[in-house]
C-alpha atoms as a PDB file:
ATOM      1  CA  MET A   1       2.457  16.915 -10.002  1.00  0.00           C
ATOM      2  CA  TRP A   2       1.098  13.354 -10.155  1.00  0.00           C
ATOM      3  CA  SER A   3       4.055  12.167 -12.254  1.00  0.00           C
ATOM      4  CA  ARG A   4       6.495  13.434  -9.624  1.00  0.00           C
ATOM      5  CA  ARG A   5       4.519  11.793  -6.824  1.00  0.00           C
ATOM      6  CA  ALA A   6       4.245   8.572  -8.838  1.00  0.00           C
ATOM      7  CA  GLN A   7       8.000   8.563  -9.327  1.00  0.00           C
ATOM      8  CA  GLU A   8       8.515   9.051  -5.577  1.00  0.00           C
ATOM      9  CA  TYR A   9       6.186   6.121  -4.903  1.00  0.00           C
ATOM     10  CA  GLU A  10       8.069   3.930  -7.387  1.00  0.00           C
ATOM     11  CA  THR A  11      11.372   4.874  -5.755  1.00  0.00           C
ATOM     12  CA  LYS A  12      10.019   3.896  -2.338  1.00  0.00           C
ATOM     13  CA  ILE A  13       8.687   0.583  -3.659  1.00  0.00           C
ATOM     14  CA  ASN A  14      11.958  -0.244  -5.413  1.00  0.00           C
ATOM     15  CA  SER A  15      13.978   0.662  -2.308  1.00  0.00           C
ATOM     16  CA  GLY A  16      12.866  -2.588  -0.712  1.00  0.00           C
ATOM     17  CA  ASP A  17      12.362  -0.795   2.607  1.00  0.00           C
ATOM     18  CA  PRO A  18       9.180  -2.264   4.140  1.00  0.00           C
ATOM     19  CA  VAL A  19       8.411   0.983   5.973  1.00  0.00           C
ATOM     20  CA  ALA A  20       8.677   3.034   2.777  1.00  0.00           C
ATOM     21  CA  ILE A  21       6.491   0.541   0.910  1.00  0.00           C
ATOM     22  CA  ALA A  22       3.931   0.650   3.719  1.00  0.00           C
ATOM     23  CA  GLU A  23       3.856   4.453   3.411  1.00  0.00           C
ATOM     24  CA  VAL A  24       2.954   4.132  -0.266  1.00  0.00           C
ATOM     25  CA  LEU A  25       0.160   1.702   0.582  1.00  0.00           C
ATOM     26  CA  ARG A  26      -1.152   3.986   3.307  1.00  0.00           C
ATOM     27  CA  ASP A  27      -1.108   7.069   1.117  1.00  0.00           C
ATOM     28  CA  LEU A  28      -2.768   5.414  -1.857  1.00  0.00           C
ATOM     29  CA  LYS A  29      -5.332   3.621   0.302  1.00  0.00           C
ATOM     30  CA  ARG A  30      -6.408   6.933   1.836  1.00  0.00           C
ATOM     31  CA  SER A  31      -6.849   8.534  -1.556  1.00  0.00           C
ATOM     32  CA  ASN A  32      -8.667   5.426  -2.792  1.00  0.00           C
ATOM     33  CA  ASP A  33     -11.304   5.763  -0.093  1.00  0.00           C
ATOM     34  CA  ASP A  34     -11.792   9.478  -0.712  1.00  0.00           C
ATOM     35  CA  THR A  35     -12.029   9.412  -4.502  1.00  0.00           C
ATOM     36  CA  GLU A  36     -11.802   6.964  -7.331  1.00  0.00           C
ATOM     37  CA  GLN A  37      -8.211   6.020  -8.143  1.00  0.00           C
ATOM     38  CA  SER A  38      -6.738   6.412 -11.588  1.00  0.00           C
ATOM     39  CA  TYR A  39      -5.361   3.409 -13.429  1.00  0.00           C
ATOM     40  CA  SER A  40      -1.775   4.377 -12.608  1.00  0.00           C
ATOM     41  CA  GLU A  41      -2.600   4.827  -8.905  1.00  0.00           C
ATOM     42  CA  ARG A  42      -4.155   1.351  -8.823  1.00  0.00           C
ATOM     43  CA  GLN A  43      -1.091  -0.093 -10.570  1.00  0.00           C
ATOM     44  CA  ILE A  44       1.304   1.495  -8.087  1.00  0.00           C
ATOM     45  CA  TYR A  45      -0.881   0.433  -5.152  1.00  0.00           C
ATOM     46  CA  GLN A  46      -0.972  -3.151  -6.438  1.00  0.00           C
ATOM     47  CA  SER A  47       2.792  -3.181  -6.966  1.00  0.00           C
ATOM     48  CA  ALA A  48       3.405  -1.946  -3.418  1.00  0.00           C
ATOM     49  CA  LEU A  49       0.915  -4.435  -1.975  1.00  0.00           C
ATOM     50  CA  GLU A  50       2.531  -7.362  -3.773  1.00  0.00           C
ATOM     51  CA  ARG A  51       6.039  -6.303  -2.726  1.00  0.00           C
ATOM     52  CA  LEU A  52       5.124  -5.864   0.937  1.00  0.00           C
ATOM     53  CA  ALA A  53       3.008  -9.034   0.944  1.00  0.00           C
ATOM     54  CA  ARG A  54       6.054 -11.039  -0.176  1.00  0.00           C
ATOM     55  CA  GLU A  55       8.053  -9.610   2.733  1.00  0.00           C
ATOM     56  CA  VAL A  56       5.303 -10.368   5.253  1.00  0.00           C
ATOM     57  CA  ALA A  57       4.774 -13.840   3.797  1.00  0.00           C
ATOM     58  CA  ALA A  58       8.455 -14.685   4.170  1.00  0.00           C
ATOM     59  CA  VAL A  59       8.575 -13.525   7.779  1.00  0.00           C
ATOM     60  CA  GLU A  60       5.251 -15.082   8.818  1.00  0.00           C
ATOM     61  CA  LYS A  61       5.753 -18.233   6.705  1.00  0.00           C
ATOM     62  CA  ILE A  62       2.386 -17.823   4.977  1.00  0.00           C
ATOM     63  CA  THR A  63       1.356 -17.474   1.340  1.00  0.00           C
ATOM     64  CA  ASP A  64       1.677 -14.172  -0.476  1.00  0.00           C
ATOM     65  CA  GLU A  65      -2.100 -14.128  -0.923  1.00  0.00           C
ATOM     66  CA  LYS A  66      -2.750 -14.555   2.800  1.00  0.00           C
ATOM     67  CA  ALA A  67      -0.234 -11.824   3.582  1.00  0.00           C
ATOM     68  CA  ALA A  68      -1.933  -9.477   1.090  1.00  0.00           C
ATOM     69  CA  GLU A  69      -5.300 -10.189   2.729  1.00  0.00           C
ATOM     70  CA  ARG A  70      -3.863  -9.331   6.142  1.00  0.00           C
ATOM     71  CA  LEU A  71      -2.356  -6.103   4.845  1.00  0.00           C
ATOM     72  CA  GLU A  72      -5.634  -5.064   3.191  1.00  0.00           C
ATOM     73  CA  LYS A  73      -7.526  -5.776   6.399  1.00  0.00           C
ATOM     74  CA  MET A  74      -5.066  -3.701   8.434  1.00  0.00           C
ATOM     75  CA  LEU A  75      -5.255  -0.837   5.932  1.00  0.00           C
ATOM     76  CA  LYS A  76      -9.056  -0.786   6.048  1.00  0.00           C
ATOM     77  CA  LYS A  77      -8.944  -0.672   9.827  1.00  0.00           C
ATOM     78  CA  GLU A  78      -6.376   2.154   9.786  1.00  0.00           C
ATOM     79  CA  VAL A  79      -8.426   4.237   7.353  1.00  0.00           C
ATOM     80  CA  LYS A  80     -11.580   3.833   9.466  1.00  0.00           C
ATOM     81  CA  THR A  81      -9.673   4.884  12.593  1.00  0.00           C
ATOM     82  CA  ALA A  82      -8.235   7.925  10.824  1.00  0.00           C
ATOM     83  CA  LYS A  83     -11.681   9.001   9.625  1.00  0.00           C
ATOM     84  CA  LYS A  84     -13.126   8.732  13.139  1.00  0.00           C
ATOM     85  CA  ALA A  85     -10.310  10.876  14.527  1.00  0.00           C
ATOM     86  CA  ALA A  86     -10.877  13.581  11.895  1.00  0.00           C
END
């Protein structure tokens, strides 16, 4: 089951579609906060974060690192909001 889901995540990341990449980040961030992530989950999460950060950095004309920080901050906020609603 995980290998199929991992392959779906990789396909979304490699699609280059920012929305699809953001979905991967969202899904893996949620599972990260609920339980400890496996090595492969962390690798996929990091790959998606780097890919989306490059897109955001290009649009916002900021560094990749700053874009990654912004994305992480937004993800933390989204997870907290989702937990409050549950």
